C-alpha atoms as a PDB file:
ATOM      1  CA  UNK A   1     -18.306  12.275   2.651  1.00  0.00           C
ATOM      2  CA  UNK A   2     -22.302  13.007   3.004  1.00  0.00           C
ATOM      3  CA  UNK A   3     -24.293  12.524   6.323  1.00  0.00           C
ATOM      4  CA  UNK A   4     -25.627   9.247   5.213  1.00  0.00           C
ATOM      5  CA  UNK A   5     -22.124   7.751   4.355  1.00  0.00           C
ATOM      6  CA  UNK A   6     -20.661   8.871   7.665  1.00  0.00           C
ATOM      7  CA  UNK A   7     -23.494   7.383   9.235  1.00  0.00           C
ATOM      8  CA  UNK A   8     -23.139   4.035   7.314  1.00  0.00           C
ATOM      9  CA  UNK A   9     -19.658   3.521   8.043  1.00  0.00           C
ATOM     10  CA  UNK A  10     -20.478   3.427  11.930  1.00  0.00           C
ATOM     11  CA  UNK A  11     -23.031   1.009  11.223  1.00  0.00           C
ATOM     12  CA  UNK A  12     -20.658  -0.941   9.996  1.00  0.00           C
ATOM     13  CA  UNK A  13     -18.976  -2.255  12.683  1.00  0.00           C
ATOM     14  CA  UNK A  14     -22.235  -2.357  15.340  1.00  0.00           C
ATOM     15  CA  UNK A  15     -25.990  -1.757  15.335  1.00  0.00           C
ATOM     16  CA  UNK A  16     -26.798   1.426  16.423  1.00  0.00           C
ATOM     17  CA  UNK A  17     -29.398   3.351  18.148  1.00  0.00           C
ATOM     18  CA  UNK A  18     -30.037   7.164  16.737  1.00  0.00           C
ATOM     19  CA  UNK A  19     -29.281   8.265  20.233  1.00  0.00           C
ATOM     20  CA  UNK A  20     -26.060   6.190  19.797  1.00  0.00           C
ATOM     21  CA  UNK A  21     -25.237   7.488  16.369  1.00  0.00           C
ATOM     22  CA  UNK A  22     -25.768  10.599  17.398  1.00  0.00           C
ATOM     23  CA  UNK A  23     -23.317  10.260  20.428  1.00  0.00           C
ATOM     24  CA  UNK A  24     -20.494   8.511  18.407  1.00  0.00           C
ATOM     25  CA  UNK A  25     -20.659  11.050  15.698  1.00  0.00           C
ATOM     26  CA  UNK A  26     -19.952  13.815  18.313  1.00  0.00           C
ATOM     27  CA  UNK A  27     -17.191  11.860  20.498  1.00  0.00           C
ATOM     28  CA  UNK A  28     -15.414  10.714  16.819  1.00  0.00           C
ATOM     29  CA  UNK A  29     -16.107  13.659  14.179  1.00  0.00           C
ATOM     30  CA  UNK A  30     -18.178  16.427  16.622  1.00  0.00           C
ATOM     31  CA  UNK A  31     -14.880  19.143  16.485  1.00  0.00           C
ATOM     32  CA  UNK A  32     -15.180  19.541  13.181  1.00  0.00           C
ATOM     33  CA  UNK A  33     -18.566  18.077  11.608  1.00  0.00           C
ATOM     34  CA  UNK A  34     -21.776  19.106  13.681  1.00  0.00           C
ATOM     35  CA  UNK A  35     -24.804  16.978  13.370  1.00  0.00           C
ATOM     36  CA  UNK A  36     -28.097  17.471  15.553  1.00  0.00           C
ATOM     37  CA  UNK A  37     -30.608  14.739  16.965  1.00  0.00           C
ATOM     38  CA  UNK A  38     -32.797  16.059  13.679  1.00  0.00           C
ATOM     39  CA  UNK A  39     -30.248  15.589  11.447  1.00  0.00           C
ATOM     40  CA  UNK A  40     -29.606  11.990  12.673  1.00  0.00           C
ATOM     41  CA  UNK A  41     -32.611  10.815  12.759  1.00  0.00           C
ATOM     42  CA  UNK A  42     -34.154  12.225   9.875  1.00  0.00           C
ATOM     43  CA  UNK A  43     -30.966  10.850   7.530  1.00  0.00           C
ATOM     44  CA  UNK A  44     -32.115   7.214   9.616  1.00  0.00           C
ATOM     45  CA  UNK A  45     -35.414   7.448   8.033  1.00  0.00           C
ATOM     46  CA  UNK A  46     -33.853   8.011   4.531  1.00  0.00           C
ATOM     47  CA  UNK A  47     -31.498   5.270   4.901  1.00  0.00           C
ATOM     48  CA  UNK A  48     -34.196   2.577   6.000  1.00  0.00           C
ATOM     49  CA  UNK A  49     -36.486   3.804   3.118  1.00  0.00           C
ATOM     50  CA  UNK A  50     -33.782   2.991   0.655  1.00  0.00           C
ATOM     51  CA  UNK A  51     -32.943  -0.377   2.088  1.00  0.00           C
ATOM     52  CA  UNK A  52     -29.664   0.637   3.558  1.00  0.00           C
ATOM     53  CA  UNK A  53     -30.621   0.154   6.919  1.00  0.00           C
ATOM     54  CA  UNK A  54     -33.218  -2.211   9.032  1.00  0.00           C
ATOM     55  CA  UNK A  55     -34.120  -1.367  12.458  1.00  0.00           C
ATOM     56  CA  UNK A  56     -34.520  -3.910  15.234  1.00  0.00           C
ATOM     57  CA  UNK A  57     -37.254  -2.704  17.732  1.00  0.00           C
ATOM     58  CA  UNK A  58     -36.362  -3.448  21.529  1.00  0.00           C
ATOM     59  CA  UNK A  59     -39.551  -3.000  23.761  1.00  0.00           C
ATOM     60  CA  UNK A  60     -38.571  -0.564  26.512  1.00  0.00           C
ATOM     61  CA  UNK A  61     -40.893  -0.280  30.014  1.00  0.00           C
ATOM     62  CA  UNK A  62     -41.660   3.298  30.899  1.00  0.00           C
ATOM     63  CA  UNK A  63     -40.111   4.387  27.704  1.00  0.00           C
ATOM     64  CA  UNK A  64     -40.373   4.468  23.971  1.00  0.00           C
ATOM     65  CA  UNK A  65     -39.091   1.654  22.123  1.00  0.00           C
ATOM     66  CA  UNK A  66     -35.732   1.797  21.183  1.00  0.00           C
ATOM     67  CA  UNK A  67     -34.634   0.777  17.994  1.00  0.00           C
ATOM     68  CA  UNK A  68     -31.265  -0.588  16.389  1.00  0.00           C
ATOM     69  CA  UNK A  69     -30.227  -0.144  13.093  1.00  0.00           C
ATOM     70  CA  UNK A  70     -28.167  -2.560  10.936  1.00  0.00           C
ATOM     71  CA  UNK A  71     -26.367  -1.838   7.929  1.00  0.00           C
ATOM     72  CA  UNK A  72     -27.837  -3.873   5.091  1.00  0.00           C
ATOM     73  CA  UNK A  73     -25.558  -5.303   1.593  1.00  0.00           C
ATOM     74  CA  UNK A  74     -27.131  -2.371  -0.176  1.00  0.00           C
ATOM     75  CA  UNK A  75     -26.071   0.123   2.400  1.00  0.00           C
ATOM     76  CA  UNK A  76     -22.416  -1.855   2.794  1.00  0.00           C
ATOM     77  CA  UNK A  77     -22.387  -1.336  -0.677  1.00  0.00           C
ATOM     78  CA  UNK A  78     -23.032   2.103  -0.965  1.00  0.00           C
ATOM     79  CA  UNK A  79     -20.744   2.610   1.646  1.00  0.00           C
ATOM     80  CA  UNK A  80     -17.962   1.499   0.074  1.00  0.00           C
ATOM     81  CA  UNK A  81     -18.841   3.513  -3.196  1.00  0.00           C
ATOM     82  CA  UNK A  82     -18.600   6.566  -0.967  1.00  0.00           C
ATOM     83  CA  UNK A  83     -15.973   5.766   1.158  1.00  0.00           C
ATOM     84  CA  UNK A  84     -12.722   6.575  -1.404  1.00  0.00           C
ATOM     85  CA  UNK A  85     -10.323   6.745   1.176  1.00  0.00           C
ATOM     86  CA  UNK A  86      -9.724   3.871   3.213  1.00  0.00           C
ATOM     87  CA  UNK A  87      -8.496   6.091   6.897  1.00  0.00           C
ATOM     88  CA  UNK A  88     -11.485   7.584   7.146  1.00  0.00           C
ATOM     89  CA  UNK A  89     -13.311   4.339   7.913  1.00  0.00           C
ATOM     90  CA  UNK A  90     -10.906   3.729  10.556  1.00  0.00           C
ATOM     91  CA  UNK A  91     -11.317   7.425  11.802  1.00  0.00           C
ATOM     92  CA  UNK A  92     -15.035   6.957  12.235  1.00  0.00           C
ATOM     93  CA  UNK A  93     -14.649   3.529  13.823  1.00  0.00           C
ATOM     94  CA  UNK A  94     -16.318   2.935  17.306  1.00  0.00           C
ATOM     95  CA  UNK A  95     -15.425  -0.019  19.295  1.00  0.00           C
ATOM     96  CA  UNK A  96     -18.639  -2.840  20.190  1.00  0.00           C
END
C-alpha cells in the first residue's frame, strides 16, 4: 500500500487537516510505518492535484488558515482499488 492509499483510507471516515493526518498516522501505524510532516503535506498536494481530495479553508486568527481535506468520489474509487484487504481499512480507521 502506498502513502497516498493510506491517507485516502484515513480520509474515508472524516475530513482531516494535514496535521490531523500526521498525528493519526503516527498513532495508528506509526510503530511500523513512518511518514514525516513533509511527506504528508507533499502527498496532500498530489492528491488534490489528482482530484482525489478537496480542501476546505478555515480561517484562523493569529495562525495560518487551516485546510480540512475531504475525499472525493474519485478518491474513494482509488482507495477501494488500492485496498485489497478489507482488514487494512479497519486498522487505519480513526473515530471522528
